[in-house]
C-alpha atoms as a PDB file:
ATOM      1  CA  UNK A   1     131.495  67.769  80.414  1.00  0.00           C
ATOM      2  CA  UNK A   2     134.523  68.879  78.968  1.00  0.00           C
ATOM      3  CA  UNK A   3     133.932  67.044  75.905  1.00  0.00           C
ATOM      4  CA  UNK A   4     130.581  68.927  75.424  1.00  0.00           C
ATOM      5  CA  UNK A   5     132.283  72.033  75.845  1.00  0.00           C
ATOM      6  CA  UNK A   6     135.256  71.049  73.217  1.00  0.00           C
ATOM      7  CA  UNK A   7     133.065  70.133  70.332  1.00  0.00           C
ATOM      8  CA  UNK A   8     132.075  73.281  69.557  1.00  0.00           C
ATOM      9  CA  UNK A   9     128.902  75.213  69.279  1.00  0.00           C
ATOM     10  CA  UNK A  10     126.596  71.976  69.092  1.00  0.00           C
ATOM     11  CA  UNK A  11     127.740  71.054  72.387  1.00  0.00           C
ATOM     12  CA  UNK A  12     126.928  74.933  73.692  1.00  0.00           C
ATOM     13  CA  UNK A  13     122.993  74.220  72.903  1.00  0.00           C
ATOM     14  CA  UNK A  14     123.538  70.377  74.692  1.00  0.00           C
ATOM     15  CA  UNK A  15     125.047  72.315  77.628  1.00  0.00           C
ATOM     16  CA  UNK A  16     122.721  75.220  77.768  1.00  0.00           C
ATOM     17  CA  UNK A  17     119.460  72.731  77.552  1.00  0.00           C
ATOM     18  CA  UNK A  18     120.528  70.808  80.319  1.00  0.00           C
ATOM     19  CA  UNK A  19     121.292  74.074  82.388  1.00  0.00           C
ATOM     20  CA  UNK A  20     118.043  75.351  81.962  1.00  0.00           C
ATOM     21  CA  UNK A  21     116.288  71.601  82.767  1.00  0.00           C
ATOM     22  CA  UNK A  22     117.536  72.594  86.279  1.00  0.00           C
ATOM     23  CA  UNK A  23     115.776  75.868  86.169  1.00  0.00           C
ATOM     24  CA  UNK A  24     112.345  74.847  85.007  1.00  0.00           C
ATOM     25  CA  UNK A  25     109.652  76.798  87.276  1.00  0.00           C
ATOM     26  CA  UNK A  26     108.026  74.221  89.719  1.00  0.00           C
ATOM     27  CA  UNK A  27     103.762  74.268  89.781  1.00  0.00           C
ATOM     28  CA  UNK A  28     102.751  77.152  92.073  1.00  0.00           C
ATOM     29  CA  UNK A  29     100.171  76.140  94.869  1.00  0.00           C
ATOM     30  CA  UNK A  30      96.691  76.955  93.966  1.00  0.00           C
ATOM     31  CA  UNK A  31      95.568  80.399  95.782  1.00  0.00           C
ATOM     32  CA  UNK A  32      93.391  80.223  98.836  1.00  0.00           C
ATOM     33  CA  UNK A  33      90.707  82.285 100.529  1.00  0.00           C
ATOM     34  CA  UNK A  34      91.504  83.441 103.643  1.00  0.00           C
ATOM     35  CA  UNK A  35      89.089  85.673 105.817  1.00  0.00           C
ATOM     36  CA  UNK A  36      90.198  88.677 107.284  1.00  0.00           C
ATOM     37  CA  UNK A  37      90.953  87.954 111.550  1.00  0.00           C
ATOM     38  CA  UNK A  38      88.165  91.366 111.612  1.00  0.00           C
ATOM     39  CA  UNK A  39      85.673  89.590 110.109  1.00  0.00           C
ATOM     40  CA  UNK A  40      85.041  92.416 107.610  1.00  0.00           C
ATOM     41  CA  UNK A  41      82.424  93.338 105.097  1.00  0.00           C
ATOM     42  CA  UNK A  42      81.632  95.753 102.514  1.00  0.00           C
ATOM     43  CA  UNK A  43      78.144  96.451 101.449  1.00  0.00           C
ATOM     44  CA  UNK A  44      76.285  98.400  99.497  1.00  0.00           C
ATOM     45  CA  UNK A  45      73.506 100.811 100.228  1.00  0.00           C
ATOM     46  CA  UNK A  46      71.868 104.454  99.615  1.00  0.00           C
ATOM     47  CA  UNK A  47      71.541 107.253 102.346  1.00  0.00           C
ATOM     48  CA  UNK A  48      68.379 107.952 103.313  1.00  0.00           C
ATOM     49  CA  UNK A  49      68.990 110.608 105.415  1.00  0.00           C
ATOM     50  CA  UNK A  50      71.736 113.271 106.411  1.00  0.00           C
ATOM     51  CA  UNK A  51      71.841 115.239 109.556  1.00  0.00           C
ATOM     52  CA  UNK A  52      74.563 117.736 110.263  1.00  0.00           C
ATOM     53  CA  UNK A  53      75.927 116.952 114.241  1.00  0.00           C
ATOM     54  CA  UNK A  54      76.153 120.517 114.738  1.00  0.00           C
ATOM     55  CA  UNK A  55      72.423 120.685 114.656  1.00  0.00           C
ATOM     56  CA  UNK A  56      71.718 118.463 117.077  1.00  0.00           C
ATOM     57  CA  UNK A  57      73.849 120.597 119.722  1.00  0.00           C
ATOM     58  CA  UNK A  58      76.675 119.227 122.251  1.00  0.00           C
ATOM     59  CA  UNK A  59      74.009 117.053 123.866  1.00  0.00           C
ATOM     60  CA  UNK A  60      72.726 115.626 120.737  1.00  0.00           C
ATOM     61  CA  UNK A  61      75.693 114.383 119.289  1.00  0.00           C
ATOM     62  CA  UNK A  62      77.324 113.261 122.532  1.00  0.00           C
ATOM     63  CA  UNK A  63      73.409 111.492 122.462  1.00  0.00           C
ATOM     64  CA  UNK A  64      73.901 110.495 118.856  1.00  0.00           C
ATOM     65  CA  UNK A  65      77.249 108.924 119.235  1.00  0.00           C
ATOM     66  CA  UNK A  66      76.269 106.880 122.722  1.00  0.00           C
ATOM     67  CA  UNK A  67      73.569 105.252 120.948  1.00  0.00           C
ATOM     68  CA  UNK A  68      76.049 104.193 118.505  1.00  0.00           C
ATOM     69  CA  UNK A  69      78.305 103.166 120.906  1.00  0.00           C
ATOM     70  CA  UNK A  70      81.056 105.691 120.161  1.00  0.00           C
ATOM     71  CA  UNK A  71      82.593 106.541 123.018  1.00  0.00           C
ATOM     72  CA  UNK A  72      84.146 109.629 121.273  1.00  0.00           C
ATOM     73  CA  UNK A  73      83.820 113.310 120.608  1.00  0.00           C
ATOM     74  CA  UNK A  74      82.199 113.604 116.132  1.00  0.00           C
ATOM     75  CA  UNK A  75      84.789 115.126 114.134  1.00  0.00           C
ATOM     76  CA  UNK A  76      84.277 118.636 112.673  1.00  0.00           C
ATOM     77  CA  UNK A  77      82.183 118.503 109.979  1.00  0.00           C
ATOM     78  CA  UNK A  78      80.620 115.050 110.945  1.00  0.00           C
ATOM     79  CA  UNK A  79      77.035 114.070 109.644  1.00  0.00           C
ATOM     80  CA  UNK A  80      74.337 111.336 110.722  1.00  0.00           C
ATOM     81  CA  UNK A  81      74.181 108.817 107.808  1.00  0.00           C
ATOM     82  CA  UNK A  82      71.253 106.808 107.817  1.00  0.00           C
ATOM     83  CA  UNK A  83      71.372 104.013 105.177  1.00  0.00           C
ATOM     84  CA  UNK A  84      69.193 101.242 103.683  1.00  0.00           C
ATOM     85  CA  UNK A  85      71.413  98.798 102.706  1.00  0.00           C
ATOM     86  CA  UNK A  86      71.091  96.666 100.050  1.00  0.00           C
ATOM     87  CA  UNK A  87      69.672  93.798 102.279  1.00  0.00           C
ATOM     88  CA  UNK A  88      67.169  96.311 103.277  1.00  0.00           C
ATOM     89  CA  UNK A  89      68.240  97.219 106.517  1.00  0.00           C
ATOM     90  CA  UNK A  90      68.761 100.165 108.083  1.00  0.00           C
ATOM     91  CA  UNK A  91      72.494 101.320 109.536  1.00  0.00           C
ATOM     92  CA  UNK A  92      73.017 104.686 111.387  1.00  0.00           C
ATOM     93  CA  UNK A  93      76.703 106.061 112.184  1.00  0.00           C
ATOM     94  CA  UNK A  94      78.545 109.611 111.966  1.00  0.00           C
ATOM     95  CA  UNK A  95      80.907 110.426 109.815  1.00  0.00           C
ATOM     96  CA  UNK A  96      82.561 113.574 108.141  1.00  0.00           C
ATOM     97  CA  UNK A  97      83.184 113.005 104.591  1.00  0.00           C
ATOM     98  CA  UNK A  98      86.733 112.827 103.503  1.00  0.00           C
ATOM     99  CA  UNK A  99      89.242 115.508 103.254  1.00  0.00           C
ATOM    100  CA  UNK A 100      88.267 117.562  99.916  1.00  0.00           C
ATOM    101  CA  UNK A 101      84.580 115.859  99.311  1.00  0.00           C
ATOM    102  CA  UNK A 102      81.671 117.862  99.529  1.00  0.00           C
ATOM    103  CA  UNK A 103      78.854 116.584 102.273  1.00  0.00           C
ATOM    104  CA  UNK A 104      77.504 113.472 101.622  1.00  0.00           C
ATOM    105  CA  UNK A 105      73.276 114.287 100.750  1.00  0.00           C
ATOM    106  CA  UNK A 106      70.088 112.040 101.082  1.00  0.00           C
ATOM    107  CA  UNK A 107      69.630 109.505  97.889  1.00  0.00           C
ATOM    108  CA  UNK A 108      73.841 108.957  97.380  1.00  0.00           C
ATOM    109  CA  UNK A 109      74.819 105.536  96.536  1.00  0.00           C
ATOM    110  CA  UNK A 110      77.828 104.269  98.934  1.00  0.00           C
ATOM    111  CA  UNK A 111      79.858 101.418  99.699  1.00  0.00           C
ATOM    112  CA  UNK A 112      79.813 100.230 103.657  1.00  0.00           C
ATOM    113  CA  UNK A 113      83.142  99.288 104.789  1.00  0.00           C
ATOM    114  CA  UNK A 114      82.940  97.062 107.976  1.00  0.00           C
ATOM    115  CA  UNK A 115      86.280  96.067 109.840  1.00  0.00           C
ATOM    116  CA  UNK A 116      87.684  97.703 113.197  1.00  0.00           C
ATOM    117  CA  UNK A 117      85.195 100.163 112.745  1.00  0.00           C
ATOM    118  CA  UNK A 118      82.859 101.153 109.816  1.00  0.00           C
ATOM    119  CA  UNK A 119      83.229 103.450 107.551  1.00  0.00           C
ATOM    120  CA  UNK A 120      81.031 104.988 104.322  1.00  0.00           C
ATOM    121  CA  UNK A 121      82.618 105.897 101.305  1.00  0.00           C
ATOM    122  CA  UNK A 122      81.187 106.986  98.058  1.00  0.00           C
ATOM    123  CA  UNK A 123      80.475 105.023  94.826  1.00  0.00           C
END
């Protein structure tokens, strides 16, 4: 390599080419599709009915949550949402709107995200 460097500028080009050839990028593996271990899902739907859990009274809230297999108290401002999914199945759940958002209304299009728990977000 010393003889390449001693020869001057043309030698530097050859040296640079040899060095850069060693830096050539190797092909990346193709992307793979992996499934969440939580078996999550995403569907769309339309809210068909809304009921404030405060209107149902304490026994009503507990009954709704027990029926939905949610053994916990409803968050302040929570609503019972009845949603018709795109596949025409019906889902009912209790959820409070996100902070700063207005209450849910019938007729709104929503996204239903299912992972460790199910949440609804406006589209």
